[in-house]
Amino acid sequence: MALEKNNKAFSEQKALVIANLETLQAQVIECQNIGMEDPGDSLYNHLSDLLDVTEGCSSFEELEELMEIAKQIEHNLDSWLSVHGTNSMELSWPDLKPFLE
């Protein structure tokens, strides 16, 4: 039963991280659609790669590492948007600490 609960919790937390990555990616697309440049689609491609890796991850430890990368991308996106006079929404990231102890 504990393993079953842990698997369910992992799936739920992973889904939250994936949803946030998809939100960031959609925001990049929206910005491009209004004329902001993402040279070489680097931010979009980085998010796509991170989504692929996150979808395939299988442990809380790996998910935490990927989430930290995603948080840095969110910060970079916020900086990029502020240069263009706009801002982004602050995403709510899951707390994985209880699952890592």
C-alpha atoms as a PDB file:
ATOM      1  CA  MET A   1       0.000   0.000   0.000  1.00  0.00           C
ATOM      2  CA  ALA A   2       2.834   2.466   0.825  1.00  0.00           C
ATOM      3  CA  LEU A   3       4.462   1.834  -2.556  1.00  0.00           C
ATOM      4  CA  GLU A   4       1.106   2.327  -4.236  1.00  0.00           C
ATOM      5  CA  LYS A   5       0.626   5.655  -2.429  1.00  0.00           C
ATOM      6  CA  ASN A   6       4.160   6.689  -3.342  1.00  0.00           C
ATOM      7  CA  ASN A   7       3.580   5.855  -7.020  1.00  0.00           C
ATOM      8  CA  LYS A   8       0.367   7.871  -7.003  1.00  0.00           C
ATOM      9  CA  ALA A   9       2.073  10.797  -5.278  1.00  0.00           C
ATOM     10  CA  PHE A  10       4.944  10.655  -7.769  1.00  0.00           C
ATOM     11  CA  SER A  11       2.538  10.675 -10.717  1.00  0.00           C
ATOM     12  CA  GLU A  12       0.664  13.644  -9.262  1.00  0.00           C
ATOM     13  CA  GLN A  13       3.825  15.657  -8.550  1.00  0.00           C
ATOM     14  CA  LYS A  14       5.266  14.826 -11.953  1.00  0.00           C
ATOM     15  CA  ALA A  15       2.029  15.965 -13.609  1.00  0.00           C
ATOM     16  CA  LEU A  16       2.295  19.323 -11.798  1.00  0.00           C
ATOM     17  CA  VAL A  17       5.860  19.850 -13.026  1.00  0.00           C
ATOM     18  CA  ILE A  18       4.847  18.898 -16.578  1.00  0.00           C
ATOM     19  CA  ALA A  19       1.888  21.305 -16.445  1.00  0.00           C
ATOM     20  CA  ASN A  20       4.213  24.130 -15.359  1.00  0.00           C
ATOM     21  CA  LEU A  21       6.649  23.332 -18.166  1.00  0.00           C
ATOM     22  CA  GLU A  22       3.783  23.368 -20.659  1.00  0.00           C
ATOM     23  CA  THR A  23       2.654  26.728 -19.253  1.00  0.00           C
ATOM     24  CA  LEU A  24       6.147  28.155 -19.698  1.00  0.00           C
ATOM     25  CA  GLN A  25       6.323  26.797 -23.230  1.00  0.00           C
ATOM     26  CA  ALA A  26       2.915  28.296 -24.085  1.00  0.00           C
ATOM     27  CA  GLN A  27       4.085  31.616 -22.710  1.00  0.00           C
ATOM     28  CA  VAL A  28       7.148  31.542 -24.970  1.00  0.00           C
ATOM     29  CA  ILE A  29       4.912  30.815 -27.976  1.00  0.00           C
ATOM     30  CA  GLU A  30       2.577  33.662 -27.022  1.00  0.00           C
ATOM     31  CA  CYS A  31       5.518  36.043 -26.757  1.00  0.00           C
ATOM     32  CA  GLN A  32       6.816  34.969 -30.158  1.00  0.00           C
ATOM     33  CA  ASN A  33       3.359  35.497 -31.639  1.00  0.00           C
ATOM     34  CA  ILE A  34       3.399  39.141 -30.542  1.00  0.00           C
ATOM     35  CA  GLY A  35       6.831  39.728 -32.018  1.00  0.00           C
ATOM     36  CA  MET A  36       9.305  38.986 -29.251  1.00  0.00           C
ATOM     37  CA  GLU A  37      12.301  37.027 -30.442  1.00  0.00           C
ATOM     38  CA  ASP A  38      13.660  33.805 -29.030  1.00  0.00           C
ATOM     39  CA  PRO A  39      16.877  33.563 -31.073  1.00  0.00           C
ATOM     40  CA  GLY A  40      17.104  30.132 -32.644  1.00  0.00           C
ATOM     41  CA  ASP A  41      14.050  29.107 -30.602  1.00  0.00           C
ATOM     42  CA  SER A  42      16.547  28.316 -27.842  1.00  0.00           C
ATOM     43  CA  LEU A  43      14.165  28.831 -24.909  1.00  0.00           C
ATOM     44  CA  TYR A  44      11.348  26.939 -26.611  1.00  0.00           C
ATOM     45  CA  ASN A  45      13.664  24.060 -27.536  1.00  0.00           C
ATOM     46  CA  HIS A  46      15.138  23.898 -24.038  1.00  0.00           C
ATOM     47  CA  LEU A  47      11.635  23.616 -22.600  1.00  0.00           C
ATOM     48  CA  SER A  48      10.737  20.911 -25.152  1.00  0.00           C
ATOM     49  CA  ASP A  49      13.792  18.898 -24.189  1.00  0.00           C
ATOM     50  CA  LEU A  50      13.065  19.332 -20.500  1.00  0.00           C
ATOM     51  CA  LEU A  51       9.464  18.204 -21.029  1.00  0.00           C
ATOM     52  CA  ASP A  52      10.664  15.040 -22.764  1.00  0.00           C
ATOM     53  CA  VAL A  53      13.093  14.222 -19.961  1.00  0.00           C
ATOM     54  CA  THR A  54      10.510  14.996 -17.266  1.00  0.00           C
ATOM     55  CA  GLU A  55       7.930  12.748 -18.896  1.00  0.00           C
ATOM     56  CA  GLY A  56      10.449   9.902 -18.771  1.00  0.00           C
ATOM     57  CA  CYS A  57      11.756  10.441 -15.251  1.00  0.00           C
ATOM     58  CA  SER A  58      11.065   7.757 -12.674  1.00  0.00           C
ATOM     59  CA  SER A  59      12.161   9.030  -9.250  1.00  0.00           C
ATOM     60  CA  PHE A  60      11.496  11.923  -6.925  1.00  0.00           C
ATOM     61  CA  GLU A  61      15.215  12.732  -6.915  1.00  0.00           C
ATOM     62  CA  GLU A  62      15.318  13.072 -10.687  1.00  0.00           C
ATOM     63  CA  LEU A  63      12.067  15.042 -10.680  1.00  0.00           C
ATOM     64  CA  GLU A  64      13.535  17.450  -8.117  1.00  0.00           C
ATOM     65  CA  GLU A  65      16.607  18.047 -10.295  1.00  0.00           C
ATOM     66  CA  LEU A  66      14.445  18.679 -13.344  1.00  0.00           C
ATOM     67  CA  MET A  67      12.174  20.991 -11.375  1.00  0.00           C
ATOM     68  CA  GLU A  68      15.160  23.073 -10.267  1.00  0.00           C
ATOM     69  CA  ILE A  69      16.199  23.470 -13.918  1.00  0.00           C
ATOM     70  CA  ALA A  70      12.619  24.452 -14.770  1.00  0.00           C
ATOM     71  CA  LYS A  71      12.580  27.049 -11.993  1.00  0.00           C
ATOM     72  CA  GLN A  72      15.744  28.585 -13.429  1.00  0.00           C
ATOM     73  CA  ILE A  73      14.145  28.698 -16.869  1.00  0.00           C
ATOM     74  CA  GLU A  74      11.105  30.397 -15.314  1.00  0.00           C
ATOM     75  CA  HIS A  75      13.429  32.983 -13.757  1.00  0.00           C
ATOM     76  CA  ASN A  76      15.204  33.502 -17.098  1.00  0.00           C
ATOM     77  CA  LEU A  77      11.864  33.857 -18.864  1.00  0.00           C
ATOM     78  CA  ASP A  78      10.769  36.451 -16.307  1.00  0.00           C
ATOM     79  CA  SER A  79      13.971  38.386 -16.971  1.00  0.00           C
ATOM     80  CA  TRP A  80      13.500  38.107 -20.738  1.00  0.00           C
ATOM     81  CA  LEU A  81       9.920  39.356 -20.446  1.00  0.00           C
ATOM     82  CA  SER A  82      10.862  42.258 -18.179  1.00  0.00           C
ATOM     83  CA  VAL A  83      13.329  43.479 -20.814  1.00  0.00           C
ATOM     84  CA  HIS A  84      10.359  43.679 -23.173  1.00  0.00           C
ATOM     85  CA  GLY A  85       8.213  45.517 -20.635  1.00  0.00           C
ATOM     86  CA  THR A  86       5.972  42.671 -19.593  1.00  0.00           C
ATOM     87  CA  ASN A  87       5.865  40.099 -16.856  1.00  0.00           C
ATOM     88  CA  SER A  88       4.860  36.507 -16.394  1.00  0.00           C
ATOM     89  CA  MET A  89       2.772  34.674 -13.878  1.00  0.00           C
ATOM     90  CA  GLU A  90       4.526  33.153 -10.918  1.00  0.00           C
ATOM     91  CA  LEU A  91       4.065  29.399 -11.102  1.00  0.00           C
ATOM     92  CA  SER A  92       3.373  27.236  -8.095  1.00  0.00           C
ATOM     93  CA  TRP A  93       5.848  24.364  -7.936  1.00  0.00           C
ATOM     94  CA  PRO A  94       5.224  21.195  -5.918  1.00  0.00           C
ATOM     95  CA  ASP A  95       7.074  20.623  -2.658  1.00  0.00           C
ATOM     96  CA  LEU A  96       8.999  17.396  -3.117  1.00  0.00           C
ATOM     97  CA  LYS A  97      10.899  17.503   0.196  1.00  0.00           C
ATOM     98  CA  PRO A  98       8.477  15.181   2.034  1.00  0.00           C
ATOM     99  CA  PHE A  99       9.077  12.539  -0.630  1.00  0.00           C
ATOM    100  CA  LEU A 100      12.860  12.820  -0.499  1.00  0.00           C
ATOM    101  CA  GLU A 101      13.321  12.108   3.195  1.00  0.00           C
END
